[in-house]
C-alpha atoms as a PDB file:
ATOM      1  CA  MET A   1     -33.054 -39.111   4.580  1.00  0.00           C
ATOM      2  CA  ALA A   2     -31.248 -36.292   2.799  1.00  0.00           C
ATOM      3  CA  LEU A   3     -27.468 -36.316   3.273  1.00  0.00           C
ATOM      4  CA  SER A   4     -25.929 -33.202   4.754  1.00  0.00           C
ATOM      5  CA  GLY A   5     -22.512 -31.972   4.858  1.00  0.00           C
ATOM      6  CA  PRO A   6     -19.734 -32.888   2.216  1.00  0.00           C
ATOM      7  CA  GLN A   7     -21.568 -36.049   1.256  1.00  0.00           C
ATOM      8  CA  GLN A   8     -24.219 -34.096  -0.513  1.00  0.00           C
ATOM      9  CA  TYR A   9     -21.941 -32.460  -3.189  1.00  0.00           C
ATOM     10  CA  PRO A  10     -22.503 -33.813  -6.842  1.00  0.00           C
ATOM     11  CA  THR A  11     -19.623 -36.085  -8.094  1.00  0.00           C
ATOM     12  CA  GLU A  12     -19.548 -33.833 -11.207  1.00  0.00           C
ATOM     13  CA  LEU A  13     -18.779 -30.759  -9.044  1.00  0.00           C
ATOM     14  CA  LEU A  14     -16.201 -32.401  -7.037  1.00  0.00           C
ATOM     15  CA  ASP A  15     -14.357 -33.505 -10.325  1.00  0.00           C
ATOM     16  CA  THR A  16     -13.965 -29.685 -11.211  1.00  0.00           C
ATOM     17  CA  THR A  17     -10.552 -28.766 -10.446  1.00  0.00           C
ATOM     18  CA  MET A  18      -8.993 -25.260  -9.539  1.00  0.00           C
ATOM     19  CA  ASP A  19      -6.816 -25.426 -12.724  1.00  0.00           C
ATOM     20  CA  GLN A  20     -10.428 -25.726 -14.406  1.00  0.00           C
ATOM     21  CA  LEU A  21     -11.555 -22.564 -12.544  1.00  0.00           C
ATOM     22  CA  ARG A  22      -8.615 -20.493 -13.246  1.00  0.00           C
ATOM     23  CA  THR A  23      -8.832 -21.393 -17.025  1.00  0.00           C
ATOM     24  CA  LEU A  24     -12.539 -20.314 -17.080  1.00  0.00           C
ATOM     25  CA  ILE A  25     -11.420 -16.804 -15.584  1.00  0.00           C
ATOM     26  CA  VAL A  26      -8.582 -16.609 -17.858  1.00  0.00           C
ATOM     27  CA  VAL A  27     -10.738 -17.135 -20.987  1.00  0.00           C
ATOM     28  CA  HIS A  28     -13.355 -14.511 -19.529  1.00  0.00           C
ATOM     29  CA  GLU A  29     -10.345 -11.952 -19.336  1.00  0.00           C
ATOM     30  CA  ALA A  30      -8.845 -12.838 -22.606  1.00  0.00           C
ATOM     31  CA  GLY A  31     -11.775 -13.303 -24.641  1.00  0.00           C
ATOM     32  CA  THR A  32     -10.785 -16.547 -26.493  1.00  0.00           C
ATOM     33  CA  ALA A  33      -9.369 -19.941 -25.947  1.00  0.00           C
ATOM     34  CA  LEU A  34      -6.553 -18.840 -27.938  1.00  0.00           C
ATOM     35  CA  GLY A  35      -5.967 -15.653 -25.982  1.00  0.00           C
ATOM     36  CA  ALA A  36      -6.178 -17.666 -22.740  1.00  0.00           C
ATOM     37  CA  ALA A  37      -3.809 -20.358 -23.879  1.00  0.00           C
ATOM     38  CA  ARG A  38      -1.196 -17.674 -24.681  1.00  0.00           C
ATOM     39  CA  ARG A  39      -1.563 -16.152 -21.210  1.00  0.00           C
ATOM     40  CA  LEU A  40      -1.172 -19.602 -19.540  1.00  0.00           C
ATOM     41  CA  GLY A  41       1.511 -21.005 -22.002  1.00  0.00           C
ATOM     42  CA  ARG A  42      -0.484 -23.648 -23.100  1.00  0.00           C
ATOM     43  CA  GLU A  43      -1.726 -25.215 -26.222  1.00  0.00           C
ATOM     44  CA  GLN A  44      -5.363 -23.978 -27.330  1.00  0.00           C
ATOM     45  CA  SER A  45      -6.409 -27.494 -27.580  1.00  0.00           C
ATOM     46  CA  SER A  46      -5.549 -27.788 -23.826  1.00  0.00           C
ATOM     47  CA  VAL A  47      -7.702 -25.053 -23.097  1.00  0.00           C
ATOM     48  CA  GLN A  48     -10.546 -25.864 -25.258  1.00  0.00           C
ATOM     49  CA  LYS A  49     -10.680 -29.370 -23.714  1.00  0.00           C
ATOM     50  CA  GLN A  50     -11.222 -27.872 -20.239  1.00  0.00           C
ATOM     51  CA  LEU A  51     -13.784 -25.438 -21.553  1.00  0.00           C
ATOM     52  CA  ASP A  52     -15.629 -28.399 -23.139  1.00  0.00           C
ATOM     53  CA  THR A  53     -15.555 -30.486 -19.703  1.00  0.00           C
ATOM     54  CA  LEU A  54     -16.805 -27.561 -17.735  1.00  0.00           C
ATOM     55  CA  ASN A  55     -19.531 -27.143 -20.258  1.00  0.00           C
ATOM     56  CA  ARG A  56     -20.600 -30.681 -20.044  1.00  0.00           C
ATOM     57  CA  THR A  57     -20.496 -30.557 -16.247  1.00  0.00           C
ATOM     58  CA  PHE A  58     -22.394 -27.497 -15.605  1.00  0.00           C
ATOM     59  CA  ALA A  59     -24.928 -28.229 -18.385  1.00  0.00           C
ATOM     60  CA  ALA A  60     -25.919 -31.377 -16.744  1.00  0.00           C
ATOM     61  CA  LEU A  61     -25.937 -29.754 -13.105  1.00  0.00           C
ATOM     62  CA  CYS A  62     -27.452 -26.285 -14.267  1.00  0.00           C
ATOM     63  CA  GLY A  63     -29.105 -27.061 -17.403  1.00  0.00           C
ATOM     64  CA  GLU A  64     -26.968 -24.226 -19.296  1.00  0.00           C
ATOM     65  CA  GLU A  65     -23.480 -24.239 -20.782  1.00  0.00           C
ATOM     66  CA  LEU A  66     -20.964 -21.900 -19.338  1.00  0.00           C
ATOM     67  CA  VAL A  67     -19.329 -20.497 -22.804  1.00  0.00           C
ATOM     68  CA  ARG A  68     -20.382 -20.725 -26.289  1.00  0.00           C
ATOM     69  CA  LYS A  69     -18.059 -20.159 -29.457  1.00  0.00           C
ATOM     70  CA  GLN A  70     -19.116 -17.191 -31.752  1.00  0.00           C
ATOM     71  CA  GLY A  71     -17.024 -18.154 -34.640  1.00  0.00           C
ATOM     72  CA  ARG A  72     -13.536 -17.389 -35.842  1.00  0.00           C
ATOM     73  CA  GLY A  73     -12.078 -14.093 -34.670  1.00  0.00           C
ATOM     74  CA  ARG A  74     -14.956 -13.311 -32.206  1.00  0.00           C
ATOM     75  CA  ASP A  75     -15.010 -13.510 -28.604  1.00  0.00           C
ATOM     76  CA  ALA A  76     -16.464 -16.379 -26.680  1.00  0.00           C
ATOM     77  CA  LEU A  77     -20.085 -15.848 -25.357  1.00  0.00           C
ATOM     78  CA  PHE A  78     -20.529 -16.214 -21.454  1.00  0.00           C
ATOM     79  CA  THR A  79     -23.891 -17.461 -20.643  1.00  0.00           C
ATOM     80  CA  ALA A  80     -25.510 -15.883 -17.635  1.00  0.00           C
ATOM     81  CA  THR A  81     -24.426 -19.162 -15.671  1.00  0.00           C
ATOM     82  CA  GLY A  82     -21.059 -18.708 -17.080  1.00  0.00           C
ATOM     83  CA  GLU A  83     -20.914 -15.273 -15.812  1.00  0.00           C
ATOM     84  CA  ALA A  84     -22.170 -16.173 -12.316  1.00  0.00           C
ATOM     85  CA  LEU A  85     -19.579 -19.043 -12.194  1.00  0.00           C
ATOM     86  CA  VAL A  86     -16.772 -16.649 -13.221  1.00  0.00           C
ATOM     87  CA  GLY A  87     -17.565 -14.524 -10.265  1.00  0.00           C
ATOM     88  CA  LEU A  88     -17.706 -17.709  -8.015  1.00  0.00           C
ATOM     89  CA  ALA A  89     -14.461 -19.056  -9.266  1.00  0.00           C
ATOM     90  CA  ARG A  90     -12.671 -15.850  -8.643  1.00  0.00           C
ATOM     91  CA  ARG A  91     -13.865 -15.722  -5.092  1.00  0.00           C
ATOM     92  CA  THR A  92     -13.165 -19.256  -4.559  1.00  0.00           C
ATOM     93  CA  LEU A  93      -9.696 -18.967  -5.790  1.00  0.00           C
ATOM     94  CA  GLY A  94      -9.282 -15.757  -3.764  1.00  0.00           C
ATOM     95  CA  GLU A  95     -10.289 -17.225  -0.474  1.00  0.00           C
ATOM     96  CA  TRP A  96      -8.198 -20.191  -1.038  1.00  0.00           C
ATOM     97  CA  ALA A  97      -5.120 -18.003  -1.887  1.00  0.00           C
ATOM     98  CA  GLU A  98      -5.844 -15.857   1.186  1.00  0.00           C
ATOM     99  CA  GLY A  99      -6.112 -18.992   3.401  1.00  0.00           C
ATOM    100  CA  VAL A 100      -2.968 -20.287   2.418  1.00  0.00           C
ATOM    101  CA  HIS A 101      -1.282 -16.983   2.628  1.00  0.00           C
ATOM    102  CA  ASP A 102      -2.748 -16.592   6.265  1.00  0.00           C
ATOM    103  CA  ALA A 103      -1.482 -20.307   7.159  1.00  0.00           C
ATOM    104  CA  ARG A 104       1.830 -19.325   5.826  1.00  0.00           C
ATOM    105  CA  ARG A 105       2.044 -16.137   7.679  1.00  0.00           C
ATOM    106  CA  ARG A 106       0.961 -17.996  11.176  1.00  0.00           C
ATOM    107  CA  LEU A 107       3.570 -20.624  10.733  1.00  0.00           C
ATOM    108  CA  GLY A 108       6.345 -17.945   9.883  1.00  0.00           C
ATOM    109  CA  ARG A 109       6.786 -18.946   6.214  1.00  0.00           C
ATOM    110  CA  THR A 110       5.989 -15.563   4.683  1.00  0.00           C
ATOM    111  CA  LEU A 111       6.260 -12.019   5.782  1.00  0.00           C
ATOM    112  CA  SER A 112       4.892  -8.903   3.851  1.00  0.00           C
ATOM    113  CA  VAL A 113       6.448  -5.938   4.579  1.00  0.00           C
ATOM    114  CA  GLY A 114       5.566  -2.297   3.287  1.00  0.00           C
ATOM    115  CA  THR A 115       7.610   0.906   3.364  1.00  0.00           C
ATOM    116  CA  THR A 116       7.453   4.496   2.146  1.00  0.00           C
ATOM    117  CA  ARG A 117      10.365   6.010  -0.057  1.00  0.00           C
ATOM    118  CA  TYR A 118      11.567   7.899   3.098  1.00  0.00           C
ATOM    119  CA  THR A 119      11.766   4.885   5.589  1.00  0.00           C
ATOM    120  CA  LEU A 120      13.061   2.218   3.271  1.00  0.00           C
ATOM    121  CA  GLY A 121      16.623   2.869   4.528  1.00  0.00           C
ATOM    122  CA  PHE A 122      15.728   1.868   8.155  1.00  0.00           C
ATOM    123  CA  LEU A 123      13.912  -1.302   6.903  1.00  0.00           C
ATOM    124  CA  LEU A 124      16.840  -2.424   4.776  1.00  0.00           C
ATOM    125  CA  ASP A 125      19.297  -1.995   7.593  1.00  0.00           C
ATOM    126  CA  ALA A 126      17.051  -4.209   9.980  1.00  0.00           C
ATOM    127  CA  VAL A 127      16.621  -6.770   7.318  1.00  0.00           C
ATOM    128  CA  GLU A 128      20.369  -7.182   7.371  1.00  0.00           C
ATOM    129  CA  ARG A 129      20.388  -8.082  11.073  1.00  0.00           C
ATOM    130  CA  VAL A 130      17.561 -11.093  10.342  1.00  0.00           C
ATOM    131  CA  SER A 131      18.708 -12.182   7.130  1.00  0.00           C
ATOM    132  CA  GLU A 132      20.490 -15.135   8.138  1.00  0.00           C
ATOM    133  CA  ASP A 133      17.952 -16.173  10.298  1.00  0.00           C
ATOM    134  CA  TYR A 134      15.296 -15.895   7.205  1.00  0.00           C
ATOM    135  CA  GLU A 135      17.561 -17.888   5.114  1.00  0.00           C
ATOM    136  CA  ARG A 136      17.991 -20.632   7.492  1.00  0.00           C
ATOM    137  CA  GLU A 137      14.237 -20.812   8.081  1.00  0.00           C
ATOM    138  CA  ASN A 138      13.464 -20.271   4.335  1.00  0.00           C
ATOM    139  CA  VAL A 139      11.265 -17.261   5.049  1.00  0.00           C
ATOM    140  CA  ASP A 140       9.619 -15.477   2.043  1.00  0.00           C
ATOM    141  CA  LEU A 141      10.204 -11.767   2.683  1.00  0.00           C
ATOM    142  CA  LYS A 142       8.013  -9.448   0.353  1.00  0.00           C
ATOM    143  CA  VAL A 143       8.792  -5.898   0.516  1.00  0.00           C
ATOM    144  CA  THR A 144       6.046  -3.487  -0.981  1.00  0.00           C
ATOM    145  CA  HIS A 145       6.115   0.424  -1.783  1.00  0.00           C
ATOM    146  CA  VAL A 146       3.398   1.751   0.218  1.00  0.00           C
ATOM    147  CA  ARG A 147       1.865   5.346  -0.168  1.00  0.00           C
ATOM    148  CA  THR A 148       1.375   6.961   3.211  1.00  0.00           C
ATOM    149  CA  GLY A 149      -2.451   7.350   2.612  1.00  0.00           C
ATOM    150  CA  ASP A 150      -2.565   3.434   2.173  1.00  0.00           C
ATOM    151  CA  LEU A 151      -0.787   2.554   5.076  1.00  0.00           C
ATOM    152  CA  PHE A 152      -3.656   1.425   7.798  1.00  0.00           C
ATOM    153  CA  THR A 153      -5.778   0.181   4.660  1.00  0.00           C
ATOM    154  CA  LYS A 154      -3.362  -2.436   3.737  1.00  0.00           C
ATOM    155  CA  LEU A 155      -2.700  -3.511   7.581  1.00  0.00           C
ATOM    156  CA  ARG A 156      -6.444  -3.900   8.118  1.00  0.00           C
ATOM    157  CA  SER A 157      -6.903  -5.981   4.852  1.00  0.00           C
ATOM    158  CA  THR A 158      -3.899  -8.072   6.060  1.00  0.00           C
ATOM    159  CA  GLU A 159      -2.312  -7.472   2.786  1.00  0.00           C
ATOM    160  CA  LEU A 160       0.652  -6.469   4.942  1.00  0.00           C
ATOM    161  CA  ASP A 161       2.097  -7.664   8.167  1.00  0.00           C
ATOM    162  CA  LEU A 162       4.159  -4.829   9.005  1.00  0.00           C
ATOM    163  CA  VAL A 163       4.621  -1.275   7.630  1.00  0.00           C
ATOM    164  CA  CYS A 164       7.461   1.326   7.951  1.00  0.00           C
ATOM    165  CA  GLY A 165       6.064   4.786   7.474  1.00  0.00           C
ATOM    166  CA  SER A 166       4.218   8.016   8.565  1.00  0.00           C
ATOM    167  CA  VAL A 167       0.982   9.031   9.716  1.00  0.00           C
ATOM    168  CA  VAL A 168      -0.721  12.338  10.698  1.00  0.00           C
ATOM    169  CA  VAL A 169      -1.652  12.464  14.361  1.00  0.00           C
ATOM    170  CA  THR A 170      -3.915  15.241  15.548  1.00  0.00           C
ATOM    171  CA  GLU A 171      -4.934  15.994  19.129  1.00  0.00           C
ATOM    172  CA  GLY A 172      -8.127  14.478  20.140  1.00  0.00           C
ATOM    173  CA  GLU A 173      -8.130  11.869  17.586  1.00  0.00           C
ATOM    174  CA  GLU A 174      -4.982  10.022  18.100  1.00  0.00           C
ATOM    175  CA  THR A 175      -6.093   7.446  20.546  1.00  0.00           C
ATOM    176  CA  GLU A 176      -8.866   6.359  18.163  1.00  0.00           C
ATOM    177  CA  LEU A 177      -6.692   6.291  15.028  1.00  0.00           C
ATOM    178  CA  LEU A 178      -3.965   4.190  16.780  1.00  0.00           C
ATOM    179  CA  ALA A 179      -5.939   1.894  18.931  1.00  0.00           C
ATOM    180  CA  PRO A 180      -6.051  -0.993  16.288  1.00  0.00           C
ATOM    181  CA  TYR A 181      -2.426  -0.918  15.882  1.00  0.00           C
ATOM    182  CA  GLU A 182       0.927  -1.640  17.707  1.00  0.00           C
ATOM    183  CA  VAL A 183       3.356   1.277  17.031  1.00  0.00           C
ATOM    184  CA  MET A 184       6.924   1.459  17.465  1.00  0.00           C
ATOM    185  CA  GLU A 185       7.610   5.365  17.483  1.00  0.00           C
ATOM    186  CA  TRP A 186      10.570   6.798  15.927  1.00  0.00           C
ATOM    187  CA  ARG A 187      10.040  10.376  15.746  1.00  0.00           C
ATOM    188  CA  ARG A 188       7.419  13.118  15.740  1.00  0.00           C
ATOM    189  CA  SER A 189       7.720  16.277  13.739  1.00  0.00           C
ATOM    190  CA  GLY A 190       5.645  18.967  12.004  1.00  0.00           C
ATOM    191  CA  LEU A 191       6.261  20.567   8.747  1.00  0.00           C
ATOM    192  CA  SER A 192       8.866  22.672   6.732  1.00  0.00           C
ATOM    193  CA  LEU A 193       9.022  24.834   3.796  1.00  0.00           C
ATOM    194  CA  LEU A 194      11.215  24.407   0.820  1.00  0.00           C
ATOM    195  CA  THR A 195      11.336  27.572  -1.201  1.00  0.00           C
ATOM    196  CA  ASN A 196      13.087  29.346  -3.991  1.00  0.00           C
ATOM    197  CA  LEU A 197      11.816  32.896  -2.787  1.00  0.00           C
ATOM    198  CA  PRO A 198      14.710  34.980  -2.044  1.00  0.00           C
ATOM    199  CA  PRO A 199      15.294  36.122   1.702  1.00  0.00           C
ATOM    200  CA  ASP A 200      13.856  39.521   1.146  1.00  0.00           C
ATOM    201  CA  ARG A 201      10.449  37.994   0.174  1.00  0.00           C
ATOM    202  CA  LEU A 202      10.742  35.362   2.686  1.00  0.00           C
ATOM    203  CA  PRO A 203      13.206  35.924   5.363  1.00  0.00           C
ATOM    204  CA  GLY A 204      14.337  34.054   8.430  1.00  0.00           C
ATOM    205  CA  THR A 205      14.454  30.373   9.186  1.00  0.00           C
ATOM    206  CA  SER A 206      10.732  29.811  10.318  1.00  0.00           C
ATOM    207  CA  LEU A 207       7.284  30.732   9.412  1.00  0.00           C
ATOM    208  CA  PRO A 208       4.098  30.758  11.445  1.00  0.00           C
ATOM    209  CA  ALA A 209       1.345  28.530   9.984  1.00  0.00           C
ATOM    210  CA  HIS A 210      -0.931  31.543   9.919  1.00  0.00           C
ATOM    211  CA  GLU A 211       1.195  33.163   7.516  1.00  0.00           C
ATOM    212  CA  LEU A 212       1.052  30.315   4.842  1.00  0.00           C
ATOM    213  CA  ASP A 213      -1.842  32.306   3.239  1.00  0.00           C
ATOM    214  CA  ARG A 214       0.381  34.974   1.966  1.00  0.00           C
ATOM    215  CA  LEU A 215       2.497  32.533   0.078  1.00  0.00           C
ATOM    216  CA  PRO A 216       2.156  30.863  -3.482  1.00  0.00           C
ATOM    217  CA  LEU A 217       2.122  27.307  -2.170  1.00  0.00           C
ATOM    218  CA  VAL A 218       3.058  23.818  -3.959  1.00  0.00           C
ATOM    219  CA  ILE A 219       1.326  21.250  -2.106  1.00  0.00           C
ATOM    220  CA  SER A 220       0.944  17.446  -2.518  1.00  0.00           C
ATOM    221  CA  ALA A 221      -2.780  16.554  -3.815  1.00  0.00           C
ATOM    222  CA  ARG A 222      -2.720  13.534  -1.158  1.00  0.00           C
ATOM    223  CA  GLY A 223      -1.261  12.382   1.717  1.00  0.00           C
ATOM    224  CA  LEU A 224       0.275  13.789   4.832  1.00  0.00           C
ATOM    225  CA  ILE A 225       0.442  17.682   3.849  1.00  0.00           C
ATOM    226  CA  GLY A 226      -3.474  17.438   2.911  1.00  0.00           C
ATOM    227  CA  ARG A 227      -4.206  16.170   6.400  1.00  0.00           C
ATOM    228  CA  PHE A 228      -2.307  18.937   8.184  1.00  0.00           C
ATOM    229  CA  LEU A 229      -4.078  21.710   6.047  1.00  0.00           C
ATOM    230  CA  THR A 230      -7.266  20.262   6.678  1.00  0.00           C
ATOM    231  CA  ALA A 231      -6.536  20.176  10.648  1.00  0.00           C
ATOM    232  CA  TRP A 232      -5.190  23.802  10.456  1.00  0.00           C
ATOM    233  CA  TYR A 233      -7.719  25.385   8.179  1.00  0.00           C
ATOM    234  CA  GLY A 234     -10.449  23.004   7.224  1.00  0.00           C
ATOM    235  CA  THR A 235     -11.684  20.980   4.486  1.00  0.00           C
ATOM    236  CA  ASP A 236     -12.034  23.974   2.334  1.00  0.00           C
ATOM    237  CA  TYR A 237      -8.375  25.202   2.903  1.00  0.00           C
ATOM    238  CA  ARG A 238      -7.961  25.467  -1.099  1.00  0.00           C
ATOM    239  CA  GLN A 239     -10.071  28.630  -0.687  1.00  0.00           C
ATOM    240  CA  LYS A 240      -8.313  30.128   1.969  1.00  0.00           C
ATOM    241  CA  LEU A 241      -4.642  29.673   0.673  1.00  0.00           C
ATOM    242  CA  SER A 242      -2.818  30.457  -2.545  1.00  0.00           C
ATOM    243  CA  ILE A 243      -2.226  27.130  -4.293  1.00  0.00           C
ATOM    244  CA  ALA A 244       0.433  27.833  -7.012  1.00  0.00           C
ATOM    245  CA  ALA A 245       0.591  23.840  -7.925  1.00  0.00           C
ATOM    246  CA  GLU A 246      -0.847  20.600  -6.791  1.00  0.00           C
ATOM    247  CA  ILE A 247       1.525  17.798  -7.281  1.00  0.00           C
ATOM    248  CA  GLU A 248       1.539  13.929  -6.759  1.00  0.00           C
ATOM    249  CA  ALA A 249       4.978  13.440  -5.838  1.00  0.00           C
ATOM    250  CA  ALA A 250       7.571  15.455  -4.036  1.00  0.00           C
ATOM    251  CA  HIS A 251      10.161  15.145  -6.753  1.00  0.00           C
ATOM    252  CA  TYR A 252       7.950  16.877  -9.166  1.00  0.00           C
ATOM    253  CA  GLY A 253       7.550  19.977  -6.671  1.00  0.00           C
ATOM    254  CA  PHE A 254      11.337  20.045  -6.410  1.00  0.00           C
ATOM    255  CA  GLU A 255      11.706  20.341 -10.217  1.00  0.00           C
ATOM    256  CA  LEU A 256       9.146  23.048 -10.183  1.00  0.00           C
ATOM    257  CA  LEU A 257      10.895  25.324  -7.916  1.00  0.00           C
ATOM    258  CA  ARG A 258      14.516  24.644  -9.114  1.00  0.00           C
ATOM    259  CA  SER A 259      13.529  25.305 -12.598  1.00  0.00           C
ATOM    260  CA  GLY A 260      12.009  28.649 -11.535  1.00  0.00           C
ATOM    261  CA  LEU A 261       8.676  27.790 -13.206  1.00  0.00           C
ATOM    262  CA  VAL A 262       7.094  28.375 -10.070  1.00  0.00           C
ATOM    263  CA  SER A 263       8.249  30.837  -7.656  1.00  0.00           C
ATOM    264  CA  GLY A 264       6.853  30.118  -4.140  1.00  0.00           C
ATOM    265  CA  ALA A 265       7.328  27.488  -1.208  1.00  0.00           C
ATOM    266  CA  MET A 266       6.375  23.773  -1.200  1.00  0.00           C
ATOM    267  CA  LEU A 267       5.162  22.146   2.057  1.00  0.00           C
ATOM    268  CA  VAL A 268       7.011  18.879   3.112  1.00  0.00           C
ATOM    269  CA  THR A 269       7.541  16.966   6.260  1.00  0.00           C
ATOM    270  CA  ARG A 270      10.153  18.251   8.651  1.00  0.00           C
ATOM    271  CA  GLY A 271      12.363  15.235   7.969  1.00  0.00           C
ATOM    272  CA  ILE A 272      12.526  15.844   4.187  1.00  0.00           C
ATOM    273  CA  GLY A 273      13.261  19.796   4.921  1.00  0.00           C
ATOM    274  CA  GLU A 274      16.194  18.725   7.246  1.00  0.00           C
ATOM    275  CA  ALA A 275      17.501  16.126   4.366  1.00  0.00           C
ATOM    276  CA  ALA A 276      17.444  19.110   2.098  1.00  0.00           C
ATOM    277  CA  ALA A 277      19.131  21.320   4.489  1.00  0.00           C
ATOM    278  CA  ASP A 278      21.816  18.729   5.182  1.00  0.00           C
ATOM    279  CA  GLY A 279      22.556  18.049   1.483  1.00  0.00           C
ATOM    280  CA  ARG A 280      21.009  14.489   1.961  1.00  0.00           C
ATOM    281  CA  LEU A 281      18.191  15.346  -0.724  1.00  0.00           C
ATOM    282  CA  PRO A 282      20.347  16.192  -4.177  1.00  0.00           C
ATOM    283  CA  GLU A 283      16.762  16.763  -5.968  1.00  0.00           C
ATOM    284  CA  ALA A 284      16.211  19.677  -3.611  1.00  0.00           C
ATOM    285  CA  GLY A 285      19.459  21.406  -4.037  1.00  0.00           C
ATOM    286  CA  GLY A 286      19.417  25.047  -3.966  1.00  0.00           C
ATOM    287  CA  LEU A 287      16.192  25.333  -2.021  1.00  0.00           C
ATOM    288  CA  ARG A 288      16.157  26.932   1.312  1.00  0.00           C
ATOM    289  CA  THR A 289      14.396  25.231   4.212  1.00  0.00           C
ATOM    290  CA  LEU A 290      12.114  27.027   6.706  1.00  0.00           C
ATOM    291  CA  GLU A 291      10.571  25.623   9.655  1.00  0.00           C
ATOM    292  CA  ILE A 292       6.768  25.793  10.112  1.00  0.00           C
ATOM    293  CA  VAL A 293       5.394  26.812  13.680  1.00  0.00           C
ATOM    294  CA  GLY A 294       2.051  25.243  14.065  1.00  0.00           C
ATOM    295  CA  ASP A 295       0.059  27.985  15.814  1.00  0.00           C
ATOM    296  CA  VAL A 296      -3.319  27.579  14.018  1.00  0.00           C
ATOM    297  CA  GLY A 297      -5.843  24.585  14.817  1.00  0.00           C
ATOM    298  CA  PRO A 298      -5.241  21.522  17.010  1.00  0.00           C
ATOM    299  CA  ARG A 299      -1.829  20.386  17.565  1.00  0.00           C
ATOM    300  CA  THR A 300      -0.848  18.242  14.504  1.00  0.00           C
ATOM    301  CA  GLU A 301       2.319  15.994  13.962  1.00  0.00           C
ATOM    302  CA  VAL A 302       3.970  13.510  11.672  1.00  0.00           C
ATOM    303  CA  LEU A 303       4.207  10.086  13.541  1.00  0.00           C
ATOM    304  CA  VAL A 304       7.119   8.263  11.878  1.00  0.00           C
ATOM    305  CA  GLY A 305       7.419   4.603  12.947  1.00  0.00           C
ATOM    306  CA  VAL A 306       6.640   0.861  12.492  1.00  0.00           C
ATOM    307  CA  PHE A 307       3.104  -0.466  12.501  1.00  0.00           C
ATOM    308  CA  THR A 308       1.542  -3.782  12.870  1.00  0.00           C
ATOM    309  CA  ARG A 309      -1.930  -5.165  13.889  1.00  0.00           C
ATOM    310  CA  ARG A 310      -2.238  -4.992  17.678  1.00  0.00           C
ATOM    311  CA  GLY A 311      -1.843  -8.309  19.313  1.00  0.00           C
ATOM    312  CA  GLU A 312      -0.618 -10.282  16.382  1.00  0.00           C
ATOM    313  CA  ARG A 313       3.017 -10.242  17.632  1.00  0.00           C
ATOM    314  CA  ALA A 314       2.050 -11.587  20.850  1.00  0.00           C
ATOM    315  CA  SER A 315       0.161 -14.450  19.319  1.00  0.00           C
ATOM    316  CA  TYR A 316       3.508 -15.393  17.737  1.00  0.00           C
ATOM    317  CA  PRO A 317       6.569 -17.243  19.487  1.00  0.00           C
ATOM    318  CA  PRO A 318       9.690 -14.837  19.904  1.00  0.00           C
ATOM    319  CA  GLY A 319      11.247 -16.594  17.009  1.00  0.00           C
ATOM    320  CA  HIS A 320       8.480 -15.762  14.536  1.00  0.00           C
ATOM    321  CA  PRO A 321       9.815 -13.599  11.588  1.00  0.00           C
ATOM    322  CA  LEU A 322       7.508 -10.593  12.605  1.00  0.00           C
ATOM    323  CA  ASN A 323       9.022 -10.547  16.050  1.00  0.00           C
ATOM    324  CA  LEU A 324      12.515 -11.073  14.710  1.00  0.00           C
ATOM    325  CA  LEU A 325      12.089  -8.145  12.286  1.00  0.00           C
ATOM    326  CA  TRP A 326      10.216  -5.836  14.989  1.00  0.00           C
ATOM    327  CA  LYS A 327      13.404  -6.539  17.359  1.00  0.00           C
ATOM    328  CA  ALA A 328      15.731  -5.569  14.387  1.00  0.00           C
ATOM    329  CA  LEU A 329      13.788  -2.461  13.952  1.00  0.00           C
ATOM    330  CA  SER A 330      13.946  -1.458  17.574  1.00  0.00           C
ATOM    331  CA  ALA A 331      17.597  -1.770  17.468  1.00  0.00           C
ATOM    332  CA  GLU A 332      17.795   0.221  14.465  1.00  0.00           C
ATOM    333  CA  ASN A 333      15.796   2.739  15.906  1.00  0.00           C
ATOM    334  CA  GLU A 334      17.949   2.973  19.089  1.00  0.00           C
ATOM    335  CA  ARG A 335      21.168   3.326  17.032  1.00  0.00           C
ATOM    336  CA  TRP A 336      19.703   6.158  15.069  1.00  0.00           C
ATOM    337  CA  TRP A 337      18.674   7.864  18.233  1.00  0.00           C
ATOM    338  CA  LEU A 338      22.355   7.418  19.529  1.00  0.00           C
ATOM    339  CA  GLN A 339      23.788   8.856  16.195  1.00  0.00           C
ATOM    340  CA  SER A 340      21.500  11.845  16.240  1.00  0.00           C
END
């Protein structure tokens, strides 16, 4: 009778170690045993010994070696079996790493948090509230910068456990957008304009959204601003507006306007507009701030807050690092509103 389950695995396969699989992957990336040895901080002879062992093992199991030498100075040649096994090794080690990470997260040994540039201060203040608890429990806190457009992607993939940031919510689409997430809402706002245009060209302190088409605009090529313009003007908004410059980062737009190289107005979130007007954003110094009145398209807002996967906090005890940080962020939120 044929055995089923773990008993059926060949002894040679069971003798293959994860370290050998990692070596195989690094040789594939580096091209040679010498290059892999340098990356791994090992002797070339140690790497070559592992390759020789893998070659013998899989030649016996599959009928073909994994890697063949091609002479001095030339990259190793991976056979078809070798290429297939490199892919399998990557998936195997990746799945094990994910499994270990999931276990550590569930047990409160690690917490991965993302934040945008403009919400980092909230997070840092909250972390101060829990730092002693984290140190006592030896929690490994990882903080990562995250772009607004990647916020939900990184939560869905479980790369991050919690994110402080902003998303655009549009009337009629908000419920579906936020359904998979638990949200601690800090504030909602619209857009502002930062401009170097003189008051006689652009007077007042506000501008209706339907008048944006009469201004030379500086806009972000991705992120929140593009979502607003799509909601207001449609996906072909570039054909309906006068785009003087498209930028990847806000600070570049500030430099364009302050230098005078571009005369126009830059669309920003209202939070950035307020920070510029209050002098809390030195890189935007000298630019005037106008509020955009959203009078076109469906009601669209920036929702600034904290996001995590729905139901995950409830599955953990109150003392879990995720719940401790959520509570600390809630306290920071209340403090901010009292000071506003």
